[in-house]
Protein backbone atom coordinates (compact mmCIF):
# COMPACT_ATOMS: atom_id res chain seq x y z
CA UNK A 1 8.85 -20.39 7.55
CA UNK A 2 9.01 -20.13 11.26
CA UNK A 3 6.08 -21.72 13.00
CA UNK A 4 3.64 -19.49 14.84
CA UNK A 5 4.28 -18.95 18.51
CA UNK A 6 1.97 -20.86 20.80
CA UNK A 7 -1.11 -18.93 21.91
CA UNK A 8 -1.80 -17.88 25.48
CA UNK A 9 -4.55 -19.81 27.15
CA UNK A 10 -7.87 -18.09 26.58
CA UNK A 11 -8.42 -17.45 30.29
CA UNK A 12 -4.97 -15.95 30.84
CA UNK A 13 -5.27 -13.83 27.71
CA UNK A 14 -8.65 -12.38 28.63
CA UNK A 15 -7.56 -11.66 32.20
CA UNK A 16 -4.22 -10.10 31.36
CA UNK A 17 -3.60 -6.37 31.25
CA UNK A 18 -0.67 -4.60 29.67
CA UNK A 19 2.41 -6.09 31.27
CA UNK A 20 6.10 -5.46 30.72
CA UNK A 21 8.29 -8.27 32.02
CA UNK A 22 12.04 -7.84 31.72
CA UNK A 23 13.99 -11.04 31.35
CA UNK A 24 17.15 -10.50 33.37
CA UNK A 25 20.40 -10.95 31.49
CA UNK A 26 18.84 -11.52 28.09
CA UNK A 27 18.67 -7.94 26.90
CA UNK A 28 15.07 -8.44 25.89
CA UNK A 29 11.72 -7.37 27.22
CA UNK A 30 8.44 -9.16 26.71
CA UNK A 31 5.48 -6.89 26.19
CA UNK A 32 2.36 -8.96 26.83
CA UNK A 33 -0.80 -7.09 26.06
CA UNK A 34 -4.31 -8.49 26.32
CA UNK A 35 -7.67 -7.70 24.84
CA UNK A 36 -8.22 -4.26 26.23
CA UNK A 37 -10.37 -1.24 25.73
CA UNK A 38 -8.35 1.50 24.05
CA UNK A 39 -9.48 5.09 24.22
CA UNK A 40 -8.39 6.56 20.87
CA UNK A 41 -5.62 9.11 21.43
CA UNK A 42 -6.58 12.73 20.96
CA UNK A 43 -6.37 13.65 17.27
CA UNK A 44 -3.21 15.50 16.29
CA UNK A 45 -1.79 16.58 12.99
CA UNK A 46 0.17 13.34 12.61
CA UNK A 47 -1.76 12.19 9.56
CA UNK A 48 -1.28 14.44 6.53
CA UNK A 49 -4.54 15.91 5.34
CA UNK A 50 -5.85 18.42 2.83
CA UNK A 51 -5.99 18.41 -0.97
CA UNK A 52 -2.90 17.25 -2.79
CA UNK A 53 -2.77 16.69 -6.55
CA UNK A 54 -0.50 13.75 -7.27
CA UNK A 55 -1.37 12.51 -10.70
CA UNK A 56 1.01 15.05 -12.29
CA UNK A 57 4.50 13.59 -11.82
CA UNK A 58 6.90 15.61 -9.69
CA UNK A 59 8.74 16.88 -12.74
CA UNK A 60 5.58 18.05 -14.52
CA UNK A 61 4.20 21.58 -14.10
CA UNK A 62 1.90 21.74 -11.08
CA UNK A 63 -1.71 22.78 -11.77
CA UNK A 64 -3.01 25.99 -10.22
CA UNK A 65 -3.91 25.75 -6.55
CA UNK A 66 -7.39 24.37 -5.99
CA UNK A 67 -7.74 23.03 -9.54
CA UNK A 68 -7.53 19.61 -11.14
CA UNK A 69 -5.26 19.30 -14.16
CA UNK A 70 -7.25 17.70 -16.96
CA UNK A 71 -4.00 17.33 -18.87
CA UNK A 72 -2.76 14.82 -16.37
CA UNK A 73 -5.73 12.51 -16.14
CA UNK A 74 -8.56 11.07 -18.10
CA UNK A 75 -12.05 12.01 -17.03
CA UNK A 76 -12.96 10.22 -13.78
CA UNK A 77 -15.10 7.19 -14.39
CA UNK A 78 -14.22 6.84 -18.06
CA UNK A 79 -12.87 3.50 -19.26
CA UNK A 80 -12.19 3.81 -22.97
CA UNK A 81 -12.12 0.91 -25.41
CA UNK A 82 -10.06 0.69 -28.59
CA UNK A 83 -9.69 -2.21 -30.99
CA UNK A 84 -6.38 -3.26 -32.60
CA UNK A 85 -5.01 -6.58 -33.74
CA UNK A 86 -1.97 -7.01 -31.56
CA UNK A 87 -0.24 -5.20 -28.69
CA UNK A 88 3.21 -5.89 -30.15
CA UNK A 89 2.14 -4.31 -33.45
CA UNK A 90 0.99 -1.23 -31.59
CA UNK A 91 4.34 -0.88 -29.83
CA UNK A 92 6.14 -1.30 -33.17
CA UNK A 93 3.93 1.32 -34.82
CA UNK A 94 4.50 3.70 -31.92
CA UNK A 95 8.27 3.35 -32.27
CA UNK A 96 8.11 3.81 -36.04
CA UNK A 97 5.90 6.85 -35.67
CA UNK A 98 8.27 8.37 -33.11
CA UNK A 99 11.27 7.82 -35.40
CA UNK A 100 9.37 9.54 -38.19
CA UNK A 101 8.95 12.56 -35.94
CA UNK A 102 5.17 12.32 -35.76
CA UNK A 103 2.87 12.09 -32.77
CA UNK A 104 1.52 8.61 -32.20
CA UNK A 105 -2.24 8.13 -32.21
CA UNK A 106 -3.82 7.89 -28.76
CA UNK A 107 -5.06 4.32 -28.79
CA UNK A 108 -8.13 4.82 -26.66
CA UNK A 109 -6.50 6.86 -23.87
CA UNK A 110 -8.41 10.11 -23.42
CA UNK A 111 -6.39 13.17 -22.46
CA UNK A 112 -2.94 12.01 -23.60
CA UNK A 113 -0.96 10.35 -26.38
CA UNK A 114 1.56 7.50 -26.04
CA UNK A 115 4.77 8.60 -27.76
CA UNK A 116 6.95 5.56 -27.13
CA UNK A 117 7.09 2.22 -25.32
CA UNK A 118 10.39 1.60 -23.53
CA UNK A 119 11.95 -1.07 -21.35
CA UNK A 120 10.01 -3.70 -19.46
CA UNK A 121 10.17 -2.86 -15.77
CA UNK A 122 8.50 -5.93 -14.37
CA UNK A 123 6.35 -8.97 -15.08
CA UNK A 124 4.30 -11.46 -13.13
CA UNK A 125 1.14 -13.49 -13.05
CA UNK A 126 -0.89 -10.32 -13.63
CA UNK A 127 0.94 -9.31 -16.82
CA UNK A 128 3.78 -6.85 -17.42
CA UNK A 129 4.78 -3.26 -16.71
CA UNK A 130 6.63 -1.18 -19.29
CA UNK A 131 8.06 2.31 -19.29
CA UNK A 132 6.24 4.67 -21.67
CA UNK A 133 6.53 8.30 -22.65
CA UNK A 134 3.25 10.18 -23.01
CA UNK A 135 2.25 13.62 -24.21
CA UNK A 136 -0.55 15.44 -22.47
CA UNK A 137 -3.18 17.45 -24.32
CA UNK A 138 -1.31 20.68 -23.49
CA UNK A 139 1.93 19.32 -24.98
CA UNK A 140 3.58 18.39 -21.68
CA UNK A 141 5.82 15.31 -21.99
CA UNK A 142 5.68 12.92 -19.02
CA UNK A 143 7.29 9.65 -18.03
CA UNK A 144 4.77 6.96 -17.13
CA UNK A 145 4.36 3.21 -16.90
CA UNK A 146 1.84 1.01 -18.71
CA UNK A 147 0.50 -2.06 -16.95
CA UNK A 148 -0.71 -4.60 -19.52
CA UNK A 149 -2.78 -7.41 -18.06
CA UNK A 150 -2.41 -10.98 -19.30
CA UNK A 151 -4.84 -12.41 -21.82
CA UNK A 152 -6.58 -14.42 -19.11
CA UNK A 153 -7.29 -11.33 -17.01
CA UNK A 154 -11.01 -10.86 -16.51
CA UNK A 155 -12.82 -7.64 -17.24
CA UNK A 156 -14.11 -7.75 -13.67
CA UNK A 157 -10.54 -7.68 -12.31
CA UNK A 158 -9.63 -4.82 -14.65
CA UNK A 159 -12.75 -2.86 -13.76
CA UNK A 160 -12.10 -3.37 -10.05
CA UNK A 161 -8.57 -1.97 -10.27
CA UNK A 162 -9.54 0.96 -12.48
CA UNK A 163 -12.50 1.80 -10.25
CA UNK A 164 -10.19 1.96 -7.22
CA UNK A 165 -7.59 4.03 -9.08
CA UNK A 166 -10.29 6.43 -10.26
CA UNK A 167 -11.57 6.76 -6.70
CA UNK A 168 -8.04 7.35 -5.41
CA UNK A 169 -7.34 10.34 -7.63
CA UNK A 170 -5.70 12.99 -5.49
CA UNK A 171 -5.28 10.69 -2.47
CA UNK A 172 -1.83 11.35 -0.96
CA UNK A 173 0.68 8.51 -1.05
CA UNK A 174 -1.27 6.41 -3.58
CA UNK A 175 -0.01 5.94 -7.15
CA UNK A 176 -2.01 8.00 -9.64
CA UNK A 177 -3.53 6.87 -12.93
CA UNK A 178 -3.45 8.72 -16.25
CA UNK A 179 -6.01 6.50 -17.95
CA UNK A 180 -7.08 2.98 -18.90
CA UNK A 181 -8.42 1.26 -21.98
CA UNK A 182 -8.55 -1.99 -23.93
CA UNK A 183 -5.80 -2.11 -26.53
CA UNK A 184 -4.64 -4.94 -28.71
CA UNK A 185 -7.20 -7.22 -27.10
CA UNK A 186 -5.64 -6.61 -23.67
CA UNK A 187 -6.50 -4.36 -20.77
CA UNK A 188 -3.98 -1.55 -20.23
CA UNK A 189 -3.58 0.94 -17.39
CA UNK A 190 -1.21 3.92 -17.63
CA UNK A 191 0.13 5.19 -14.29
CA UNK A 192 2.61 7.78 -13.06
CA UNK A 193 6.17 6.48 -12.96
CA UNK A 194 7.59 6.44 -9.44
CA UNK A 195 11.31 7.06 -9.36
CA UNK A 196 12.88 5.63 -6.25
CA UNK A 197 13.37 2.32 -4.47
CA UNK A 198 10.88 -0.32 -3.41
CA UNK A 199 10.30 -0.51 0.34
CA UNK A 200 11.04 -4.25 0.10
CA UNK A 201 14.54 -3.61 -1.28
CA UNK A 202 15.10 -0.78 1.21
CA UNK A 203 14.17 -3.01 4.15
CA UNK A 204 16.30 -5.90 2.87
CA UNK A 205 19.31 -3.58 2.62
CA UNK A 206 18.66 -2.12 6.08
CA UNK A 207 18.39 -5.62 7.55
CA UNK A 208 21.72 -6.64 6.00
CA UNK A 209 23.46 -3.45 7.12
CA UNK A 210 22.23 -3.75 10.71
CA UNK A 211 23.79 -7.15 11.25
CA UNK A 212 24.23 -7.76 14.99
CA UNK A 213 23.82 -4.10 15.96
CA UNK A 214 21.24 -3.52 18.67
CA UNK A 215 18.96 -1.05 16.92
CA UNK A 216 15.86 -0.94 14.80
CA UNK A 217 16.21 -1.37 11.05
CA UNK A 218 15.24 2.25 10.43
CA UNK A 219 15.53 5.32 12.65
CA UNK A 220 12.45 5.90 14.82
CA UNK A 221 11.59 9.12 12.97
CA UNK A 222 11.65 7.39 9.59
CA UNK A 223 9.44 4.56 10.87
CA UNK A 224 6.96 7.16 12.14
CA UNK A 225 7.04 9.10 8.88
CA UNK A 226 6.38 6.08 6.66
CA UNK A 227 3.81 4.61 9.04
CA UNK A 228 2.00 7.96 9.13
CA UNK A 229 1.91 8.18 5.34
CA UNK A 230 0.74 4.57 4.99
CA UNK A 231 -2.03 5.09 7.55
CA UNK A 232 -3.05 8.34 5.86
CA UNK A 233 -3.45 6.55 2.52
CA UNK A 234 -5.42 3.73 4.14
CA UNK A 235 -7.63 6.17 6.05
CA UNK A 236 -8.46 8.07 2.87
CA UNK A 237 -9.14 4.94 0.81
CA UNK A 238 -11.49 3.67 3.53
CA UNK A 239 -13.27 7.04 3.54
CA UNK A 240 -13.85 6.53 -0.19
CA UNK A 241 -15.45 3.15 0.49
CA UNK A 242 -12.80 0.60 -0.43
CA UNK A 243 -9.90 -1.33 1.11
CA UNK A 244 -6.54 -1.91 -0.59
CA UNK A 245 -6.65 -5.60 0.38
CA UNK A 246 -2.99 -6.36 -0.37
CA UNK A 247 -0.86 -4.06 1.77
CA UNK A 248 2.73 -5.27 1.96
CA UNK A 249 6.18 -3.76 1.64
CA UNK A 250 6.48 -5.22 -1.87
CA UNK A 251 3.64 -2.91 -2.94
CA UNK A 252 5.27 0.30 -1.69
CA UNK A 253 7.89 2.63 -3.12
CA UNK A 254 9.99 5.35 -1.53
CA UNK A 255 10.10 8.36 -3.82
CA UNK A 256 13.47 9.57 -4.96
CA UNK A 257 14.49 12.74 -3.16
CA UNK A 258 11.69 13.13 -0.62
CA UNK A 259 11.69 9.54 0.61
CA UNK A 260 7.89 9.71 0.77
CA UNK A 261 5.93 6.49 0.58
CA UNK A 262 3.83 5.66 -2.47
CA UNK A 263 1.36 2.79 -2.36
CA UNK A 264 1.06 0.67 -5.51
CA UNK A 265 -1.09 -2.11 -6.97
CA UNK A 266 -4.78 -1.65 -6.27
CA UNK A 267 -5.61 -4.82 -8.19
CA UNK A 268 -7.06 -6.55 -5.10
CA UNK A 269 -9.08 -3.57 -3.91
CA UNK A 270 -12.42 -4.44 -2.34
CA UNK A 271 -15.49 -2.34 -1.70
CA UNK A 272 -17.82 -2.86 1.22
CA UNK A 273 -21.38 -4.13 1.29
CA UNK A 274 -24.27 -2.51 3.15
CA UNK A 275 -23.11 -4.18 6.39
CA UNK A 276 -19.57 -2.81 6.13
CA UNK A 277 -18.02 -6.15 5.18
CA UNK A 278 -15.57 -6.43 2.30
CA UNK A 279 -17.14 -7.89 -0.82
CA UNK A 280 -14.05 -9.90 -1.74
CA UNK A 281 -11.12 -11.45 0.11
CA UNK A 282 -7.52 -11.31 -1.02
CA UNK A 283 -3.97 -10.40 -0.20
CA UNK A 284 -0.73 -12.09 0.81
CA UNK A 285 -1.00 -14.71 3.56
CA UNK A 286 1.67 -13.47 5.98
CA UNK A 287 0.11 -9.98 5.93
CA UNK A 288 -3.51 -11.15 6.32
CA UNK A 289 -5.68 -10.61 9.36
CA UNK A 290 -7.19 -13.77 10.91
CA UNK A 291 -10.60 -12.86 9.46
CA UNK A 292 -9.18 -12.40 5.96
CA UNK A 293 -7.27 -15.66 6.11
CA UNK A 294 -10.36 -17.50 7.37
CA UNK A 295 -12.46 -16.03 4.55
CA UNK A 296 -10.00 -17.26 1.93
CA UNK A 297 -9.84 -20.69 3.53
CA UNK A 298 -13.65 -20.78 3.98
CA UNK A 299 -13.31 -21.35 7.71
CA UNK A 300 -16.10 -20.58 10.11
CA UNK A 301 -15.88 -19.02 13.54
CA UNK A 302 -14.57 -15.65 12.37
CA UNK A 303 -16.32 -12.42 11.56
CA UNK A 304 -16.21 -11.32 7.93
CA UNK A 305 -13.24 -9.17 6.87
CA UNK A 306 -13.74 -5.41 7.19
CA UNK A 307 -11.59 -2.31 6.78
CA UNK A 308 -9.74 -3.37 9.94
CA UNK A 309 -8.00 -6.09 7.91
CA UNK A 310 -6.06 -3.35 6.12
CA UNK A 311 -4.98 -2.00 9.51
CA UNK A 312 -3.65 -5.43 10.49
CA UNK A 313 -1.55 -5.45 7.30
CA UNK A 314 -0.27 -1.97 8.20
CA UNK A 315 0.90 -3.38 11.53
CA UNK A 316 2.83 -6.14 9.77
CA UNK A 317 4.48 -3.54 7.51
CA UNK A 318 5.48 -1.41 10.51
CA UNK A 319 6.93 -4.50 12.21
CA UNK A 320 8.93 -5.26 9.05
CA UNK A 321 10.35 -1.71 9.03
CA UNK A 322 11.15 -1.90 12.75
CA UNK A 323 12.68 -5.29 13.41
CA UNK A 324 11.80 -8.22 11.17
CA UNK A 325 12.67 -7.16 7.63
CA UNK A 326 11.33 -9.78 5.25
CA UNK A 327 10.95 -12.42 8.00
CA UNK A 328 7.23 -11.80 8.05
CA UNK A 329 6.26 -15.23 9.38
CA UNK A 330 7.76 -14.26 12.75
CA UNK A 331 5.55 -11.18 12.97
CA UNK A 332 2.20 -12.92 13.21
CA UNK A 333 2.76 -13.96 16.82
CA UNK A 334 2.39 -10.28 17.72
CA UNK A 335 -1.37 -10.53 17.31
CA UNK A 336 -1.41 -12.74 20.41
CA UNK A 337 0.87 -10.40 22.38
CA UNK A 338 3.59 -12.97 22.97
CA UNK A 339 6.48 -11.87 20.79
CA UNK A 340 9.81 -11.22 22.45
CA UNK A 341 11.00 -7.82 21.22
CA UNK A 342 14.50 -6.42 21.68
CA UNK A 343 14.76 -3.75 24.36
CA UNK A 344 15.80 -1.16 21.79
CA UNK A 345 12.21 -1.16 20.46
CA UNK A 346 10.48 1.62 22.45
CA UNK A 347 7.40 0.58 24.40
CA UNK A 348 5.17 3.08 22.59
CA UNK A 349 6.31 1.76 19.20
CA UNK A 350 5.70 -1.81 20.40
CA UNK A 351 2.20 -0.81 21.53
CA UNK A 352 1.50 0.74 18.11
CA UNK A 353 2.36 -2.57 16.45
CA UNK A 354 0.38 -4.64 18.96
CA UNK A 355 -2.60 -2.30 18.64
CA UNK A 356 -2.71 -2.46 14.85
CA UNK A 357 -2.30 -6.24 14.88
CA UNK A 358 -4.77 -7.08 17.63
CA UNK A 359 -6.36 -10.45 16.84
CA UNK A 360 -9.80 -9.03 17.65
CA UNK A 361 -10.95 -6.59 14.92
CA UNK A 362 -13.02 -4.49 17.33
CA UNK A 363 -9.98 -3.97 19.59
CA UNK A 364 -7.70 -3.02 16.70
CA UNK A 365 -6.71 0.61 16.18
CA UNK A 366 -8.38 2.54 13.39
CA UNK A 367 -6.07 4.29 10.89
CA UNK A 368 -6.79 7.66 12.52
CA UNK A 369 -6.18 6.37 16.06
CA UNK A 370 -2.94 4.69 14.99
CA UNK A 371 -1.87 7.86 13.21
CA UNK A 372 -2.28 9.90 16.38
CA UNK A 373 -0.69 7.26 18.62
CA UNK A 374 1.75 8.57 21.29
CA UNK A 375 4.70 7.16 19.32
CA UNK A 376 3.61 9.17 16.27
CA UNK A 377 3.08 12.30 18.36
CA UNK A 378 6.50 11.94 19.95
CA UNK A 379 8.41 11.35 16.72
CA UNK A 380 6.52 13.65 14.34
CA UNK A 381 6.37 16.61 16.71
CA UNK A 382 10.08 17.28 16.35
């Protein structure tokens, strides 16, 4: 872990204005930006908007325009409960039932039936994720994934994630949920299966392929596209009253075919209190805003985390896609405007990153302002 770059002196930082100093012969430029008043750019159509039904997988029949497909989701707000003795027994019974050519019983999931449980796709401290095949009420067969939480998972954690997923129904670029219930003594959540590649793996490959070439990891247009989609998802989640609270490239997928971003894992989602502060702190340290990190470490001297902490994490993700890859510890110096960036990083893209990672929450861009930033306008207009 690279150590953080030394901070500017407080007086110099407060007095400084946006400055571009070229270091002769090094091929680098230092963009030093201070606490400044930003007039939000004029809104443009950079952030996708409008209704978009996502909880039907791409290969499933699309519902009629303007309608919500009940076949592809359980009723909003419903968390069913079903009792059985053991999750492994359920999987075995499902397989046996499928081999017998019969439909498996829907163990507490309203609106669909689990036909089979397939390979394990991932596992971690939270539990495991398995591929499943489900049948909707209208007979449609869909691929999905089932997230089974560990035995020590609290009902509060499960309820928090399901509440966020329910709220995010129809939100573009956020994974969609089919349903959730308690099964085999464990909490289970069934989600759409995203075919594609994780943004983490994509960035790692791009970093390796770039080598010593003097260019950004991704083309400018692709950075703008993914940043726009990420900011659109964050904007819409905030409008619904909650923050993701763990934005990082590990929690994002690029859909097969379209290359669109899909945001995963709402397990750390946090709602706001009456003062607009997040009710819980969480996330991954290298992506955390100063306020979020201070809240987790119980340090004083910082304001409480708000929605702007998500924006800071967005800035780290954009920096990872642009230059740093998985070397996220090097990114944090950007919040003090003292990172040396290669000259091939355009000044407007650098300003977008600095503006989303401003150390002062009030000076940080909002998702809408970042989405209509000049860099976005320039790259998305073509």
